[in-house]
Amino acid sequence: MGLGFLASGLIQVGLAAVVILRPHPLAYYGVIALNVALIVLYAAHVVIGLPLTPAAQGGFTLGPTEAVDAVSLAAQASELMGVALAFALLHLPGHDSILCPARQTKQPAGG
């Protein structure tokens, strides 16, 4: 699980750099997708336990579940805020979106 935390942290730092230096709708969608995936993984860890390890008879054996505590809730709240902020930035006036391209304003003739 340590490598997963390292990978997700590095991806978050990379996405933050892209959002700051060269904002692009795909970067915002990346933030949303990563944070939603982390929330889902956390929920799976609390409910069924992770990691899944191969069983000798075939299939997988579930790992131990995790208790919900204040630190975990704060982490999930920050990930939800990241999702909300990315959605808000996607819909700011003047920001293009893959789903809603920028509107072309017509220039009056001769001016």
PDB file of N, CA and C in Angstrom:
ATOM      1  N   MET A   1       0.833  -1.202   0.000  1.00  0.00           N
ATOM      2  CA  MET A   1       0.000   0.000   0.000  1.00  0.00           C
ATOM      3  C   MET A   1       0.869   1.254   0.000  1.00  0.00           C
ATOM      4  N   GLY A   2       2.083   1.135   0.524  1.00  0.00           N
ATOM      5  CA  GLY A   2       2.967   2.290   0.571  1.00  0.00           C
ATOM      6  C   GLY A   2       3.282   2.837  -0.808  1.00  0.00           C
ATOM      7  N   LEU A   3       3.489   1.934  -1.780  1.00  0.00           N
ATOM      8  CA  LEU A   3       3.764   2.389  -3.143  1.00  0.00           C
ATOM      9  C   LEU A   3       2.550   3.084  -3.746  1.00  0.00           C
ATOM     10  N   GLY A   4       1.370   2.623  -3.387  1.00  0.00           N
ATOM     11  CA  GLY A   4       0.152   3.280  -3.867  1.00  0.00           C
ATOM     12  C   GLY A   4       0.026   4.695  -3.328  1.00  0.00           C
ATOM     13  N   PHE A   5       0.335   4.868  -2.031  1.00  0.00           N
ATOM     14  CA  PHE A   5       0.296   6.212  -1.445  1.00  0.00           C
ATOM     15  C   PHE A   5       1.337   7.111  -2.105  1.00  0.00           C
ATOM     16  N   LEU A   6       2.532   6.575  -2.344  1.00  0.00           N
ATOM     17  CA  LEU A   6       3.582   7.354  -2.997  1.00  0.00           C
ATOM     18  C   LEU A   6       3.144   7.759  -4.405  1.00  0.00           C
ATOM     19  N   ALA A   7       2.611   6.816  -5.158  1.00  0.00           N
ATOM     20  CA  ALA A   7       2.174   7.103  -6.526  1.00  0.00           C
ATOM     21  C   ALA A   7       1.058   8.143  -6.545  1.00  0.00           C
ATOM     22  N   SER A   8       0.059   7.984  -5.682  1.00  0.00           N
ATOM     23  CA  SER A   8      -1.049   8.947  -5.680  1.00  0.00           C
ATOM     24  C   SER A   8      -0.568  10.330  -5.244  1.00  0.00           C
ATOM     25  N   GLY A   9       0.354  10.382  -4.305  1.00  0.00           N
ATOM     26  CA  GLY A   9       0.903  11.673  -3.880  1.00  0.00           C
ATOM     27  C   GLY A   9       1.672  12.362  -4.998  1.00  0.00           C
ATOM     28  N   LEU A  10       2.486  11.589  -5.727  1.00  0.00           N
ATOM     29  CA  LEU A  10       3.244  12.165  -6.839  1.00  0.00           C
ATOM     30  C   LEU A  10       2.316  12.631  -7.958  1.00  0.00           C
ATOM     31  N   ILE A  11       1.267  11.863  -8.218  1.00  0.00           N
ATOM     32  CA  ILE A  11       0.298  12.268  -9.244  1.00  0.00           C
ATOM     33  C   ILE A  11      -0.413  13.544  -8.813  1.00  0.00           C
ATOM     34  N   GLN A  12      -0.773  13.651  -7.530  1.00  0.00           N
ATOM     35  CA  GLN A  12      -1.431  14.859  -7.037  1.00  0.00           C
ATOM     36  C   GLN A  12      -0.522  16.075  -7.159  1.00  0.00           C
ATOM     37  N   VAL A  13       0.764  15.914  -6.850  1.00  0.00           N
ATOM     38  CA  VAL A  13       1.710  17.029  -6.981  1.00  0.00           C
ATOM     39  C   VAL A  13       1.830  17.429  -8.448  1.00  0.00           C
ATOM     40  N   GLY A  14       1.916  16.445  -9.339  1.00  0.00           N
ATOM     41  CA  GLY A  14       1.994  16.741 -10.767  1.00  0.00           C
ATOM     42  C   GLY A  14       0.758  17.459 -11.280  1.00  0.00           C
ATOM     43  N   LEU A  15      -0.418  16.991 -10.870  1.00  0.00           N
ATOM     44  CA  LEU A  15      -1.656  17.654 -11.285  1.00  0.00           C
ATOM     45  C   LEU A  15      -1.742  19.070 -10.737  1.00  0.00           C
ATOM     46  N   ALA A  16      -1.291  19.264  -9.497  1.00  0.00           N
ATOM     47  CA  ALA A  16      -1.299  20.612  -8.912  1.00  0.00           C
ATOM     48  C   ALA A  16      -0.401  21.542  -9.724  1.00  0.00           C
ATOM     49  N   ALA A  17       0.757  21.049 -10.138  1.00  0.00           N
ATOM     50  CA  ALA A  17       1.662  21.869 -10.944  1.00  0.00           C
ATOM     51  C   ALA A  17       1.023  22.232 -12.282  1.00  0.00           C
ATOM     52  N   VAL A  18       0.353  21.274 -12.913  1.00  0.00           N
ATOM     53  CA  VAL A  18      -0.299  21.544 -14.198  1.00  0.00           C
ATOM     54  C   VAL A  18      -1.418  22.558 -14.016  1.00  0.00           C
ATOM     55  N   VAL A  19      -2.223  22.397 -12.971  1.00  0.00           N
ATOM     56  CA  VAL A  19      -3.336  23.317 -12.732  1.00  0.00           C
ATOM     57  C   VAL A  19      -2.822  24.734 -12.484  1.00  0.00           C
ATOM     58  N   ILE A  20      -1.699  24.856 -11.790  1.00  0.00           N
ATOM     59  CA  ILE A  20      -1.159  26.188 -11.488  1.00  0.00           C
ATOM     60  C   ILE A  20      -0.462  26.799 -12.699  1.00  0.00           C
ATOM     61  N   LEU A  21       0.385  26.018 -13.373  1.00  0.00           N
ATOM     62  CA  LEU A  21       1.211  26.563 -14.443  1.00  0.00           C
ATOM     63  C   LEU A  21       0.496  26.647 -15.795  1.00  0.00           C
ATOM     64  N   ARG A  22      -0.280  25.647 -16.134  1.00  0.00           N
ATOM     65  CA  ARG A  22      -0.966  25.608 -17.426  1.00  0.00           C
ATOM     66  C   ARG A  22      -2.357  25.007 -17.241  1.00  0.00           C
ATOM     67  N   PRO A  23      -3.276  25.775 -16.675  1.00  0.00           N
ATOM     68  CA  PRO A  23      -4.614  25.231 -16.431  1.00  0.00           C
ATOM     69  C   PRO A  23      -5.239  24.701 -17.716  1.00  0.00           C
ATOM     70  N   HIS A  24      -5.769  23.511 -17.620  1.00  0.00           N
ATOM     71  CA  HIS A  24      -6.411  22.868 -18.768  1.00  0.00           C
ATOM     72  C   HIS A  24      -7.534  21.991 -18.219  1.00  0.00           C
ATOM     73  N   PRO A  25      -8.647  21.908 -18.923  1.00  0.00           N
ATOM     74  CA  PRO A  25      -9.759  21.090 -18.427  1.00  0.00           C
ATOM     75  C   PRO A  25      -9.364  19.648 -18.105  1.00  0.00           C
ATOM     76  N   LEU A  26      -8.457  19.064 -18.893  1.00  0.00           N
ATOM     77  CA  LEU A  26      -8.052  17.682 -18.608  1.00  0.00           C
ATOM     78  C   LEU A  26      -7.379  17.558 -17.248  1.00  0.00           C
ATOM     79  N   ALA A  27      -6.647  18.587 -16.838  1.00  0.00           N
ATOM     80  CA  ALA A  27      -6.014  18.556 -15.516  1.00  0.00           C
ATOM     81  C   ALA A  27      -7.076  18.545 -14.418  1.00  0.00           C
ATOM     82  N   TYR A  28      -8.134  19.346 -14.600  1.00  0.00           N
ATOM     83  CA  TYR A  28      -9.213  19.365 -13.612  1.00  0.00           C
ATOM     84  C   TYR A  28      -9.927  18.016 -13.564  1.00  0.00           C
ATOM     85  N   TYR A  29     -10.157  17.431 -14.743  1.00  0.00           N
ATOM     86  CA  TYR A  29     -10.772  16.101 -14.768  1.00  0.00           C
ATOM     87  C   TYR A  29      -9.857  15.068 -14.115  1.00  0.00           C
ATOM     88  N   GLY A  30      -8.563  15.233 -14.270  1.00  0.00           N
ATOM     89  CA  GLY A  30      -7.612  14.336 -13.611  1.00  0.00           C
ATOM     90  C   GLY A  30      -7.687  14.444 -12.098  1.00  0.00           C
ATOM     91  N   VAL A  31      -7.791  15.668 -11.597  1.00  0.00           N
ATOM     92  CA  VAL A  31      -7.942  15.885 -10.153  1.00  0.00           C
ATOM     93  C   VAL A  31      -9.213  15.205  -9.655  1.00  0.00           C
ATOM     94  N   ILE A  32     -10.302  15.403 -10.388  1.00  0.00           N
ATOM     95  CA  ILE A  32     -11.584  14.808  -9.992  1.00  0.00           C
ATOM     96  C   ILE A  32     -11.480  13.285  -9.988  1.00  0.00           C
ATOM     97  N   ALA A  33     -10.944  12.717 -11.063  1.00  0.00           N
ATOM     98  CA  ALA A  33     -10.850  11.255 -11.164  1.00  0.00           C
ATOM     99  C   ALA A  33      -9.962  10.667 -10.075  1.00  0.00           C
ATOM    100  N   LEU A  34      -8.815  11.284  -9.832  1.00  0.00           N
ATOM    101  CA  LEU A  34      -7.909  10.756  -8.805  1.00  0.00           C
ATOM    102  C   LEU A  34      -8.541  10.827  -7.421  1.00  0.00           C
ATOM    103  N   ASN A  35      -9.133  11.957  -7.091  1.00  0.00           N
ATOM    104  CA  ASN A  35      -9.719  12.097  -5.756  1.00  0.00           C
ATOM    105  C   ASN A  35     -10.911  11.167  -5.554  1.00  0.00           C
ATOM    106  N   VAL A  36     -11.738  11.012  -6.579  1.00  0.00           N
ATOM    107  CA  VAL A  36     -12.864  10.074  -6.460  1.00  0.00           C
ATOM    108  C   VAL A  36     -12.342   8.647  -6.297  1.00  0.00           C
ATOM    109  N   ALA A  37     -11.296   8.287  -7.056  1.00  0.00           N
ATOM    110  CA  ALA A  37     -10.720   6.948  -6.928  1.00  0.00           C
ATOM    111  C   ALA A  37     -10.161   6.720  -5.526  1.00  0.00           C
ATOM    112  N   LEU A  38      -9.502   7.724  -4.954  1.00  0.00           N
ATOM    113  CA  LEU A  38      -8.959   7.578  -3.603  1.00  0.00           C
ATOM    114  C   LEU A  38     -10.070   7.443  -2.565  1.00  0.00           C
ATOM    115  N   ILE A  39     -11.158   8.166  -2.748  1.00  0.00           N
ATOM    116  CA  ILE A  39     -12.290   8.057  -1.824  1.00  0.00           C
ATOM    117  C   ILE A  39     -12.901   6.665  -1.909  1.00  0.00           C
ATOM    118  N   VAL A  40     -13.062   6.147  -3.127  1.00  0.00           N
ATOM    119  CA  VAL A  40     -13.627   4.808  -3.314  1.00  0.00           C
ATOM    120  C   VAL A  40     -12.700   3.748  -2.712  1.00  0.00           C
ATOM    121  N   LEU A  41     -11.392   3.892  -2.921  1.00  0.00           N
ATOM    122  CA  LEU A  41     -10.444   2.935  -2.332  1.00  0.00           C
ATOM    123  C   LEU A  41     -10.495   2.964  -0.812  1.00  0.00           C
ATOM    124  N   TYR A  42     -10.607   4.159  -0.246  1.00  0.00           N
ATOM    125  CA  TYR A  42     -10.705   4.259   1.208  1.00  0.00           C
ATOM    126  C   TYR A  42     -11.983   3.567   1.703  1.00  0.00           C
ATOM    127  N   ALA A  43     -13.096   3.819   1.016  1.00  0.00           N
ATOM    128  CA  ALA A  43     -14.358   3.194   1.420  1.00  0.00           C
ATOM    129  C   ALA A  43     -14.254   1.673   1.328  1.00  0.00           C
ATOM    130  N   ALA A  44     -13.612   1.167   0.278  1.00  0.00           N
ATOM    131  CA  ALA A  44     -13.423  -0.278   0.150  1.00  0.00           C
ATOM    132  C   ALA A  44     -12.554  -0.812   1.276  1.00  0.00           C
ATOM    133  N   HIS A  45     -11.538  -0.051   1.649  1.00  0.00           N
ATOM    134  CA  HIS A  45     -10.653  -0.492   2.735  1.00  0.00           C
ATOM    135  C   HIS A  45     -11.397  -0.547   4.070  1.00  0.00           C
ATOM    136  N   VAL A  46     -12.294   0.404   4.284  1.00  0.00           N
ATOM    137  CA  VAL A  46     -13.065   0.419   5.530  1.00  0.00           C
ATOM    138  C   VAL A  46     -14.091  -0.715   5.548  1.00  0.00           C
ATOM    139  N   VAL A  47     -14.737  -0.960   4.404  1.00  0.00           N
ATOM    140  CA  VAL A  47     -15.838  -1.922   4.358  1.00  0.00           C
ATOM    141  C   VAL A  47     -15.364  -3.364   4.199  1.00  0.00           C
ATOM    142  N   ILE A  48     -14.479  -3.618   3.220  1.00  0.00           N
ATOM    143  CA  ILE A  48     -14.089  -5.011   2.956  1.00  0.00           C
ATOM    144  C   ILE A  48     -12.644  -5.326   3.300  1.00  0.00           C
ATOM    145  N   GLY A  49     -11.813  -4.314   3.419  1.00  0.00           N
ATOM    146  CA  GLY A  49     -10.409  -4.537   3.748  1.00  0.00           C
ATOM    147  C   GLY A  49      -9.548  -4.652   2.506  1.00  0.00           C
ATOM    148  N   LEU A  50      -8.401  -4.028   2.562  1.00  0.00           N
ATOM    149  CA  LEU A  50      -7.409  -4.098   1.491  1.00  0.00           C
ATOM    150  C   LEU A  50      -6.056  -4.353   2.151  1.00  0.00           C
ATOM    151  N   PRO A  51      -5.106  -4.908   1.538  1.00  0.00           N
ATOM    152  CA  PRO A  51      -5.078  -5.309   0.140  1.00  0.00           C
ATOM    153  C   PRO A  51      -5.706  -6.677  -0.064  1.00  0.00           C
ATOM    154  N   LEU A  52      -6.052  -6.938  -1.292  1.00  0.00           N
ATOM    155  CA  LEU A  52      -6.535  -8.261  -1.674  1.00  0.00           C
ATOM    156  C   LEU A  52      -5.299  -9.099  -1.991  1.00  0.00           C
ATOM    157  N   THR A  53      -5.150 -10.224  -1.339  1.00  0.00           N
ATOM    158  CA  THR A  53      -4.000 -11.086  -1.591  1.00  0.00           C
ATOM    159  C   THR A  53      -4.480 -12.391  -2.214  1.00  0.00           C
ATOM    160  N   PRO A  54      -3.708 -12.951  -3.144  1.00  0.00           N
ATOM    161  CA  PRO A  54      -4.120 -14.222  -3.756  1.00  0.00           C
ATOM    162  C   PRO A  54      -4.199 -15.333  -2.708  1.00  0.00           C
ATOM    163  N   ALA A  55      -5.257 -16.129  -2.793  1.00  0.00           N
ATOM    164  CA  ALA A  55      -5.446 -17.251  -1.868  1.00  0.00           C
ATOM    165  C   ALA A  55      -4.891 -18.521  -2.505  1.00  0.00           C
ATOM    166  N   ALA A  56      -4.488 -19.454  -1.665  1.00  0.00           N
ATOM    167  CA  ALA A  56      -3.911 -20.712  -2.151  1.00  0.00           C
ATOM    168  C   ALA A  56      -4.928 -21.497  -2.975  1.00  0.00           C
ATOM    169  N   GLN A  57      -6.221 -21.422  -2.635  1.00  0.00           N
ATOM    170  CA  GLN A  57      -7.258 -22.168  -3.345  1.00  0.00           C
ATOM    171  C   GLN A  57      -7.748 -21.418  -4.577  1.00  0.00           C
ATOM    172  N   GLY A  58      -7.190 -20.303  -4.885  1.00  0.00           N
ATOM    173  CA  GLY A  58      -7.684 -19.466  -5.978  1.00  0.00           C
ATOM    174  C   GLY A  58      -8.536 -18.352  -5.408  1.00  0.00           C
ATOM    175  N   GLY A  59      -8.714 -17.335  -6.143  1.00  0.00           N
ATOM    176  CA  GLY A  59      -9.476 -16.191  -5.657  1.00  0.00           C
ATOM    177  C   GLY A  59      -8.592 -15.278  -4.815  1.00  0.00           C
ATOM    178  N   PHE A  60      -9.219 -14.483  -3.978  1.00  0.00           N
ATOM    179  CA  PHE A  60      -8.485 -13.520  -3.171  1.00  0.00           C
ATOM    180  C   PHE A  60      -8.912 -13.595  -1.720  1.00  0.00           C
ATOM    181  N   THR A  61      -7.994 -13.252  -0.838  1.00  0.00           N
ATOM    182  CA  THR A  61      -8.272 -13.135   0.588  1.00  0.00           C
ATOM    183  C   THR A  61      -8.269 -11.646   0.927  1.00  0.00           C
ATOM    184  N   LEU A  62      -9.266 -11.228   1.674  1.00  0.00           N
ATOM    185  CA  LEU A  62      -9.358  -9.823   2.056  1.00  0.00           C
ATOM    186  C   LEU A  62      -8.418  -9.523   3.205  1.00  0.00           C
ATOM    187  N   GLY A  63      -7.861  -8.306   3.184  1.00  0.00           N
ATOM    188  CA  GLY A  63      -7.014  -7.858   4.278  1.00  0.00           C
ATOM    189  C   GLY A  63      -7.863  -7.322   5.412  1.00  0.00           C
ATOM    190  N   PRO A  64      -7.217  -6.819   6.461  1.00  0.00           N
ATOM    191  CA  PRO A  64      -7.966  -6.264   7.586  1.00  0.00           C
ATOM    192  C   PRO A  64      -8.628  -4.940   7.204  1.00  0.00           C
ATOM    193  N   THR A  65      -9.772  -4.667   7.814  1.00  0.00           N
ATOM    194  CA  THR A  65     -10.443  -3.385   7.565  1.00  0.00           C
ATOM    195  C   THR A  65      -9.813  -2.312   8.436  1.00  0.00           C
ATOM    196  N   GLU A  66     -10.143  -1.076   8.138  1.00  0.00           N
ATOM    197  CA  GLU A  66      -9.601   0.052   8.891  1.00  0.00           C
ATOM    198  C   GLU A  66     -10.722   0.739   9.638  1.00  0.00           C
ATOM    199  N   ALA A  67     -10.441   1.139  10.864  1.00  0.00           N
ATOM    200  CA  ALA A  67     -11.419   1.900  11.637  1.00  0.00           C
ATOM    201  C   ALA A  67     -11.431   3.345  11.145  1.00  0.00           C
ATOM    202  N   VAL A  68     -12.591   3.959  11.184  1.00  0.00           N
ATOM    203  CA  VAL A  68     -12.719   5.359  10.781  1.00  0.00           C
ATOM    204  C   VAL A  68     -12.329   6.230  11.962  1.00  0.00           C
ATOM    205  N   ASP A  69     -11.403   7.169  11.721  1.00  0.00           N
ATOM    206  CA  ASP A  69     -10.989   8.095  12.778  1.00  0.00           C
ATOM    207  C   ASP A  69     -10.976   9.518  12.228  1.00  0.00           C
ATOM    208  N   ALA A  70     -10.638  10.462  13.083  1.00  0.00           N
ATOM    209  CA  ALA A  70     -10.689  11.869  12.696  1.00  0.00           C
ATOM    210  C   ALA A  70      -9.707  12.183  11.570  1.00  0.00           C
ATOM    211  N   VAL A  71      -8.531  11.593  11.594  1.00  0.00           N
ATOM    212  CA  VAL A  71      -7.535  11.853  10.555  1.00  0.00           C
ATOM    213  C   VAL A  71      -8.040  11.345   9.204  1.00  0.00           C
ATOM    214  N   SER A  72      -8.620  10.158   9.193  1.00  0.00           N
ATOM    215  CA  SER A  72      -9.159   9.601   7.954  1.00  0.00           C
ATOM    216  C   SER A  72     -10.296  10.464   7.410  1.00  0.00           C
ATOM    217  N   LEU A  73     -11.169  10.901   8.293  1.00  0.00           N
ATOM    218  CA  LEU A  73     -12.274  11.761   7.861  1.00  0.00           C
ATOM    219  C   LEU A  73     -11.764  13.087   7.310  1.00  0.00           C
ATOM    220  N   ALA A  74     -10.719  13.650   7.935  1.00  0.00           N
ATOM    221  CA  ALA A  74     -10.141  14.899   7.435  1.00  0.00           C
ATOM    222  C   ALA A  74      -9.531  14.695   6.046  1.00  0.00           C
ATOM    223  N   ALA A  75      -8.874  13.563   5.838  1.00  0.00           N
ATOM    224  CA  ALA A  75      -8.297  13.274   4.524  1.00  0.00           C
ATOM    225  C   ALA A  75      -9.384  13.140   3.463  1.00  0.00           C
ATOM    226  N   GLN A  76     -10.468  12.456   3.803  1.00  0.00           N
ATOM    227  CA  GLN A  76     -11.563  12.295   2.841  1.00  0.00           C
ATOM    228  C   GLN A  76     -12.244  13.624   2.578  1.00  0.00           C
ATOM    229  N   ALA A  77     -12.372  14.457   3.598  1.00  0.00           N
ATOM    230  CA  ALA A  77     -12.969  15.784   3.411  1.00  0.00           C
ATOM    231  C   ALA A  77     -12.106  16.631   2.483  1.00  0.00           C
ATOM    232  N   SER A  78     -10.783  16.546   2.613  1.00  0.00           N
ATOM    233  CA  SER A  78      -9.908  17.326   1.730  1.00  0.00           C
ATOM    234  C   SER A  78     -10.006  16.827   0.291  1.00  0.00           C
ATOM    235  N   GLU A  79     -10.167  15.522   0.110  1.00  0.00           N
ATOM    236  CA  GLU A  79     -10.333  14.988  -1.241  1.00  0.00           C
ATOM    237  C   GLU A  79     -11.666  15.425  -1.847  1.00  0.00           C
ATOM    238  N   LEU A  80     -12.720  15.458  -1.033  1.00  0.00           N
ATOM    239  CA  LEU A  80     -14.011  15.964  -1.517  1.00  0.00           C
ATOM    240  C   LEU A  80     -13.926  17.444  -1.873  1.00  0.00           C
ATOM    241  N   MET A  81     -13.180  18.217  -1.074  1.00  0.00           N
ATOM    242  CA  MET A  81     -13.003  19.633  -1.394  1.00  0.00           C
ATOM    243  C   MET A  81     -12.235  19.798  -2.698  1.00  0.00           C
ATOM    244  N   GLY A  82     -11.263  18.916  -2.937  1.00  0.00           N
ATOM    245  CA  GLY A  82     -10.531  18.956  -4.201  1.00  0.00           C
ATOM    246  C   GLY A  82     -11.443  18.699  -5.385  1.00  0.00           C
ATOM    247  N   VAL A  83     -12.365  17.760  -5.236  1.00  0.00           N
ATOM    248  CA  VAL A  83     -13.337  17.475  -6.300  1.00  0.00           C
ATOM    249  C   VAL A  83     -14.225  18.700  -6.528  1.00  0.00           C
ATOM    250  N   ALA A  84     -14.737  19.276  -5.459  1.00  0.00           N
ATOM    251  CA  ALA A  84     -15.621  20.441  -5.582  1.00  0.00           C
ATOM    252  C   ALA A  84     -14.886  21.626  -6.202  1.00  0.00           C
ATOM    253  N   LEU A  85     -13.652  21.859  -5.796  1.00  0.00           N
ATOM    254  CA  LEU A  85     -12.881  22.978  -6.334  1.00  0.00           C
ATOM    255  C   LEU A  85     -12.575  22.761  -7.816  1.00  0.00           C
ATOM    256  N   ALA A  86     -12.228  21.536  -8.194  1.00  0.00           N
ATOM    257  CA  ALA A  86     -11.950  21.255  -9.605  1.00  0.00           C
ATOM    258  C   ALA A  86     -13.206  21.476 -10.453  1.00  0.00           C
ATOM    259  N   PHE A  87     -14.367  21.033  -9.952  1.00  0.00           N
ATOM    260  CA  PHE A  87     -15.619  21.282 -10.678  1.00  0.00           C
ATOM    261  C   PHE A  87     -15.890  22.777 -10.796  1.00  0.00           C
ATOM    262  N   ALA A  88     -15.650  23.517  -9.713  1.00  0.00           N
ATOM    263  CA  ALA A  88     -15.890  24.960  -9.738  1.00  0.00           C
ATOM    264  C   ALA A  88     -14.967  25.645 -10.741  1.00  0.00           C
ATOM    265  N   LEU A  89     -13.698  25.250 -10.765  1.00  0.00           N
ATOM    266  CA  LEU A  89     -12.755  25.861 -11.706  1.00  0.00           C
ATOM    267  C   LEU A  89     -13.091  25.513 -13.150  1.00  0.00           C
ATOM    268  N   LEU A  90     -13.637  24.327 -13.362  1.00  0.00           N
ATOM    269  CA  LEU A  90     -14.038  23.944 -14.713  1.00  0.00           C
ATOM    270  C   LEU A  90     -15.144  24.842 -15.252  1.00  0.00           C
ATOM    271  N   HIS A  91     -15.983  25.337 -14.360  1.00  0.00           N
ATOM    272  CA  HIS A  91     -17.159  26.092 -14.800  1.00  0.00           C
ATOM    273  C   HIS A  91     -17.026  27.594 -14.581  1.00  0.00           C
ATOM    274  N   LEU A  92     -15.806  28.073 -14.341  1.00  0.00           N
ATOM    275  CA  LEU A  92     -15.603  29.514 -14.241  1.00  0.00           C
ATOM    276  C   LEU A  92     -15.784  30.155 -15.609  1.00  0.00           C
ATOM    277  N   PRO A  93     -16.361  31.338 -15.653  1.00  0.00           N
ATOM    278  CA  PRO A  93     -16.472  32.023 -16.947  1.00  0.00           C
ATOM    279  C   PRO A  93     -15.077  32.234 -17.543  1.00  0.00           C
ATOM    280  N   GLY A  94     -14.977  31.993 -18.843  1.00  0.00           N
ATOM    281  CA  GLY A  94     -13.697  32.178 -19.509  1.00  0.00           C
ATOM    282  C   GLY A  94     -12.848  30.928 -19.571  1.00  0.00           C
ATOM    283  N   HIS A  95     -13.218  29.882 -18.830  1.00  0.00           N
ATOM    284  CA  HIS A  95     -12.499  28.623 -18.895  1.00  0.00           C
ATOM    285  C   HIS A  95     -13.184  27.714 -19.896  1.00  0.00           C
ATOM    286  N   ASP A  96     -12.406  27.192 -20.815  1.00  0.00           N
ATOM    287  CA  ASP A  96     -12.950  26.245 -21.782  1.00  0.00           C
ATOM    288  C   ASP A  96     -13.093  24.895 -21.118  1.00  0.00           C
ATOM    289  N   SER A  97     -14.045  24.142 -21.576  1.00  0.00           N
ATOM    290  CA  SER A  97     -14.260  22.795 -21.091  1.00  0.00           C
ATOM    291  C   SER A  97     -14.431  21.872 -22.282  1.00  0.00           C
ATOM    292  N   ILE A  98     -14.006  20.642 -22.131  1.00  0.00           N
ATOM    293  CA  ILE A  98     -14.185  19.656 -23.194  1.00  0.00           C
ATOM    294  C   ILE A  98     -15.671  19.483 -23.477  1.00  0.00           C
ATOM    295  N   LEU A  99     -16.467  19.499 -22.416  1.00  0.00           N
ATOM    296  CA  LEU A  99     -17.893  19.265 -22.566  1.00  0.00           C
ATOM    297  C   LEU A  99     -18.641  20.505 -23.037  1.00  0.00           C
ATOM    298  N   CYS A 100     -18.093  21.663 -22.776  1.00  0.00           N
ATOM    299  CA  CYS A 100     -18.767  22.919 -23.129  1.00  0.00           C
ATOM    300  C   CYS A 100     -17.733  23.879 -23.706  1.00  0.00           C
ATOM    301  N   PRO A 101     -17.479  23.823 -25.014  1.00  0.00           N
ATOM    302  CA  PRO A 101     -16.455  24.690 -25.595  1.00  0.00           C
ATOM    303  C   PRO A 101     -16.796  26.164 -25.437  1.00  0.00           C
ATOM    304  N   ALA A 102     -15.752  26.973 -25.499  1.00  0.00           N
ATOM    305  CA  ALA A 102     -15.935  28.420 -25.344  1.00  0.00           C
ATOM    306  C   ALA A 102     -16.840  28.949 -26.446  1.00  0.00           C
ATOM    307  N   ARG A 103     -17.678  29.887 -26.066  1.00  0.00           N
ATOM    308  CA  ARG A 103     -18.584  30.475 -27.044  1.00  0.00           C
ATOM    309  C   ARG A 103     -17.834  31.531 -27.846  1.00  0.00           C
ATOM    310  N   GLN A 104     -18.062  31.542 -29.120  1.00  0.00           N
ATOM    311  CA  GLN A 104     -17.471  32.554 -29.987  1.00  0.00           C
ATOM    312  C   GLN A 104     -18.370  33.792 -29.939  1.00  0.00           C
ATOM    313  N   THR A 105     -17.791  34.936 -29.629  1.00  0.00           N
ATOM    314  CA  THR A 105     -18.569  36.155 -29.643  1.00  0.00           C
ATOM    315  C   THR A 105     -18.418  36.785 -31.019  1.00  0.00           C
ATOM    316  N   LYS A 106     -19.523  37.266 -31.550  1.00  0.00           N
ATOM    317  CA  LYS A 106     -19.496  37.861 -32.880  1.00  0.00           C
ATOM    318  C   LYS A 106     -19.080  39.326 -32.774  1.00  0.00           C
ATOM    319  N   GLN A 107     -18.145  39.694 -33.610  1.00  0.00           N
ATOM    320  CA  GLN A 107     -17.704  41.070 -33.684  1.00  0.00           C
ATOM    321  C   GLN A 107     -18.645  41.823 -34.627  1.00  0.00           C
ATOM    322  N   PRO A 108     -19.031  43.030 -34.253  1.00  0.00           N
ATOM    323  CA  PRO A 108     -19.868  43.795 -35.173  1.00  0.00           C
ATOM    324  C   PRO A 108     -19.075  44.116 -36.449  1.00  0.00           C
ATOM    325  N   ALA A 109     -19.781  44.118 -37.552  1.00  0.00           N
ATOM    326  CA  ALA A 109     -19.124  44.399 -38.840  1.00  0.00           C
ATOM    327  C   ALA A 109     -18.565  45.817 -38.847  1.00  0.00           C
ATOM    328  N   GLY A 110     -17.336  45.934 -39.342  1.00  0.00           N
ATOM    329  CA  GLY A 110     -16.714  47.237 -39.490  1.00  0.00           C
ATOM    330  C   GLY A 110     -16.197  47.807 -38.184  1.00  0.00           C
ATOM    331  N   GLY A 111     -15.961  46.982 -37.171  1.00  0.00           N
ATOM    332  CA  GLY A 111     -15.511  47.613 -35.947  1.00  0.00           C
ATOM    333  C   GLY A 111     -14.845  46.703 -35.084  1.00  0.00           C
TER     334      GLY A 111
END
